[in-house]
Amino acid sequence: MSETAAGSKPLIDVRTIPPHQRHPMIFGMIDDLPAGESFLIVSDHPPRPLHYQLETRYPGLFSWDYLEEGPDVWRVEIGRLAPGRAGDADEHVCTCGGH
């Protein structure tokens, strides 16, 4: 992991990480991310499987913003939403079907 050029957000460039270590490293960062903070990932392919895993594990708790979408490089900013931004307390945010 390194810092961005501005030094403000952590950056994981998955192009430099062996494939079997990528998602565990990213989810380690996600698990430790404080509310209201974000980090960047850089990939050489669309990170859709990671996005699906994030939404499945933590529905409504993280933002996912494409900063660059190919064709050679994908850059995504992943952020943990601040309390109150993931939905109101009365809003049902899991994927169980809305019971």
C-alpha atoms as a PDB file:
ATOM      1  CA  MET A   1       0.000   0.000   0.000  1.00  0.00           C
ATOM      2  CA  SER A   2       1.163   3.517  -0.672  1.00  0.00           C
ATOM      3  CA  GLU A   3      -0.135   7.055  -0.396  1.00  0.00           C
ATOM      4  CA  THR A   4      -1.648   9.058  -3.222  1.00  0.00           C
ATOM      5  CA  ALA A   5       0.397  11.824  -4.800  1.00  0.00           C
ATOM      6  CA  ALA A   6      -1.324  14.336  -2.528  1.00  0.00           C
ATOM      7  CA  GLY A   7      -0.631  12.069   0.448  1.00  0.00           C
ATOM      8  CA  SER A   8      -4.219  12.364   1.663  1.00  0.00           C
ATOM      9  CA  LYS A   9      -5.761   8.955   0.952  1.00  0.00           C
ATOM     10  CA  PRO A  10      -4.330   5.459   1.256  1.00  0.00           C
ATOM     11  CA  LEU A  11      -3.895   3.718  -2.093  1.00  0.00           C
ATOM     12  CA  ILE A  12      -3.823   0.023  -2.943  1.00  0.00           C
ATOM     13  CA  ASP A  13      -2.496  -0.670  -6.436  1.00  0.00           C
ATOM     14  CA  VAL A  14      -3.636  -4.238  -7.007  1.00  0.00           C
ATOM     15  CA  ARG A  15      -1.517  -4.496 -10.148  1.00  0.00           C
ATOM     16  CA  THR A  16       1.496  -4.952  -7.851  1.00  0.00           C
ATOM     17  CA  ILE A  17      -0.118  -7.584  -5.578  1.00  0.00           C
ATOM     18  CA  PRO A  18      -0.387 -11.332  -6.298  1.00  0.00           C
ATOM     19  CA  PRO A  19      -4.011 -12.147  -7.244  1.00  0.00           C
ATOM     20  CA  HIS A  20      -4.691 -14.401  -4.239  1.00  0.00           C
ATOM     21  CA  GLN A  21      -3.704 -11.582  -1.846  1.00  0.00           C
ATOM     22  CA  ARG A  22      -5.709  -8.751  -3.421  1.00  0.00           C
ATOM     23  CA  HIS A  23      -9.184  -9.151  -1.916  1.00  0.00           C
ATOM     24  CA  PRO A  24      -7.921 -10.110   1.566  1.00  0.00           C
ATOM     25  CA  MET A  25      -5.724  -6.989   1.581  1.00  0.00           C
ATOM     26  CA  ILE A  26      -8.557  -4.757   0.382  1.00  0.00           C
ATOM     27  CA  PHE A  27     -11.049  -6.173   2.894  1.00  0.00           C
ATOM     28  CA  GLY A  28      -8.468  -5.723   5.657  1.00  0.00           C
ATOM     29  CA  MET A  29      -8.349  -2.039   4.735  1.00  0.00           C
ATOM     30  CA  ILE A  30     -12.158  -1.888   4.552  1.00  0.00           C
ATOM     31  CA  ASP A  31     -12.540  -3.484   7.984  1.00  0.00           C
ATOM     32  CA  ASP A  32     -10.146  -0.943   9.550  1.00  0.00           C
ATOM     33  CA  LEU A  33     -11.524   2.115   7.739  1.00  0.00           C
ATOM     34  CA  PRO A  34     -13.015   4.726  10.100  1.00  0.00           C
ATOM     35  CA  ALA A  35     -16.444   6.184   9.338  1.00  0.00           C
ATOM     36  CA  GLY A  36     -16.210   9.116   6.959  1.00  0.00           C
ATOM     37  CA  GLU A  37     -12.825   8.027   5.565  1.00  0.00           C
ATOM     38  CA  SER A  38     -11.953   6.515   2.183  1.00  0.00           C
ATOM     39  CA  PHE A  39      -9.134   4.917   0.232  1.00  0.00           C
ATOM     40  CA  LEU A  40      -8.333   4.293  -3.423  1.00  0.00           C
ATOM     41  CA  ILE A  41      -7.747   1.141  -5.393  1.00  0.00           C
ATOM     42  CA  VAL A  42      -6.099   0.931  -8.811  1.00  0.00           C
ATOM     43  CA  SER A  43      -6.630  -2.088 -11.050  1.00  0.00           C
ATOM     44  CA  ASP A  44      -5.917  -3.213 -14.591  1.00  0.00           C
ATOM     45  CA  HIS A  45      -9.393  -4.750 -14.935  1.00  0.00           C
ATOM     46  CA  PRO A  46     -12.960  -3.791 -13.930  1.00  0.00           C
ATOM     47  CA  PRO A  47     -13.274  -4.484 -10.174  1.00  0.00           C
ATOM     48  CA  ARG A  48     -16.911  -5.610 -10.386  1.00  0.00           C
ATOM     49  CA  PRO A  49     -16.448  -8.829  -8.334  1.00  0.00           C
ATOM     50  CA  LEU A  50     -14.961  -6.769  -5.498  1.00  0.00           C
ATOM     51  CA  HIS A  51     -17.882  -4.337  -5.677  1.00  0.00           C
ATOM     52  CA  TYR A  52     -20.385  -7.221  -5.468  1.00  0.00           C
ATOM     53  CA  GLN A  53     -18.539  -8.713  -2.487  1.00  0.00           C
ATOM     54  CA  LEU A  54     -18.500  -5.338  -0.726  1.00  0.00           C
ATOM     55  CA  GLU A  55     -22.235  -4.841  -1.235  1.00  0.00           C
ATOM     56  CA  THR A  56     -22.959  -8.398  -0.059  1.00  0.00           C
ATOM     57  CA  ARG A  57     -20.854  -8.152   3.103  1.00  0.00           C
ATOM     58  CA  TYR A  58     -21.700  -4.558   4.026  1.00  0.00           C
ATOM     59  CA  PRO A  59     -24.917  -3.504   2.286  1.00  0.00           C
ATOM     60  CA  GLY A  60     -25.377   0.261   2.346  1.00  0.00           C
ATOM     61  CA  LEU A  61     -22.342   0.973   4.548  1.00  0.00           C
ATOM     62  CA  PHE A  62     -19.775   1.951   1.904  1.00  0.00           C
ATOM     63  CA  SER A  63     -19.584   4.262  -1.073  1.00  0.00           C
ATOM     64  CA  TRP A  64     -18.073   3.136  -4.385  1.00  0.00           C
ATOM     65  CA  ASP A  65     -17.023   5.852  -6.816  1.00  0.00           C
ATOM     66  CA  TYR A  66     -15.279   5.223 -10.115  1.00  0.00           C
ATOM     67  CA  LEU A  67     -12.615   7.855 -10.698  1.00  0.00           C
ATOM     68  CA  GLU A  68     -11.364   6.220 -13.892  1.00  0.00           C
ATOM     69  CA  GLU A  69     -12.972   3.395 -15.908  1.00  0.00           C
ATOM     70  CA  GLY A  70     -10.528   1.766 -18.296  1.00  0.00           C
ATOM     71  CA  PRO A  71      -9.708   0.668 -20.789  1.00  0.00           C
ATOM     72  CA  ASP A  72      -6.265   0.122 -19.223  1.00  0.00           C
ATOM     73  CA  VAL A  73      -6.697   1.408 -15.660  1.00  0.00           C
ATOM     74  CA  TRP A  74      -9.613   1.481 -13.238  1.00  0.00           C
ATOM     75  CA  ARG A  75      -9.456   3.730 -10.182  1.00  0.00           C
ATOM     76  CA  VAL A  76     -12.091   3.475  -7.454  1.00  0.00           C
ATOM     77  CA  GLU A  77     -12.582   5.390  -4.239  1.00  0.00           C
ATOM     78  CA  ILE A  78     -14.142   3.258  -1.494  1.00  0.00           C
ATOM     79  CA  GLY A  79     -15.457   5.064   1.568  1.00  0.00           C
ATOM     80  CA  ARG A  80     -17.097   4.045   4.825  1.00  0.00           C
ATOM     81  CA  LEU A  81     -20.230   6.143   5.148  1.00  0.00           C
ATOM     82  CA  ALA A  82     -20.491   8.322   8.225  1.00  0.00           C
ATOM     83  CA  PRO A  83     -23.186   7.374  10.745  1.00  0.00           C
ATOM     84  CA  GLY A  84     -26.563   8.481   9.460  1.00  0.00           C
ATOM     85  CA  ARG A  85     -25.462   8.354   5.810  1.00  0.00           C
ATOM     86  CA  ALA A  86     -26.184   4.644   5.374  1.00  0.00           C
ATOM     87  CA  GLY A  87     -29.883   5.290   5.839  1.00  0.00           C
ATOM     88  CA  ASP A  88     -32.152   6.327   8.661  1.00  0.00           C
ATOM     89  CA  ALA A  89     -32.547   4.054  11.652  1.00  0.00           C
ATOM     90  CA  ASP A  90     -36.035   3.161  10.383  1.00  0.00           C
ATOM     91  CA  GLU A  91     -34.788   2.288   6.900  1.00  0.00           C
ATOM     92  CA  HIS A  92     -34.188  -1.415   6.289  1.00  0.00           C
ATOM     93  CA  VAL A  93     -30.769  -1.754   4.591  1.00  0.00           C
ATOM     94  CA  CYS A  94     -30.056  -5.480   4.439  1.00  0.00           C
ATOM     95  CA  THR A  95     -30.632  -7.622   1.347  1.00  0.00           C
ATOM     96  CA  CYS A  96     -33.031 -10.087   2.963  1.00  0.00           C
ATOM     97  CA  GLY A  97     -36.088  -8.929   1.048  1.00  0.00           C
ATOM     98  CA  GLY A  98     -37.302  -6.204   3.375  1.00  0.00           C
ATOM     99  CA  HIS A  99     -38.942  -8.173   6.175  1.00  0.00           C
END
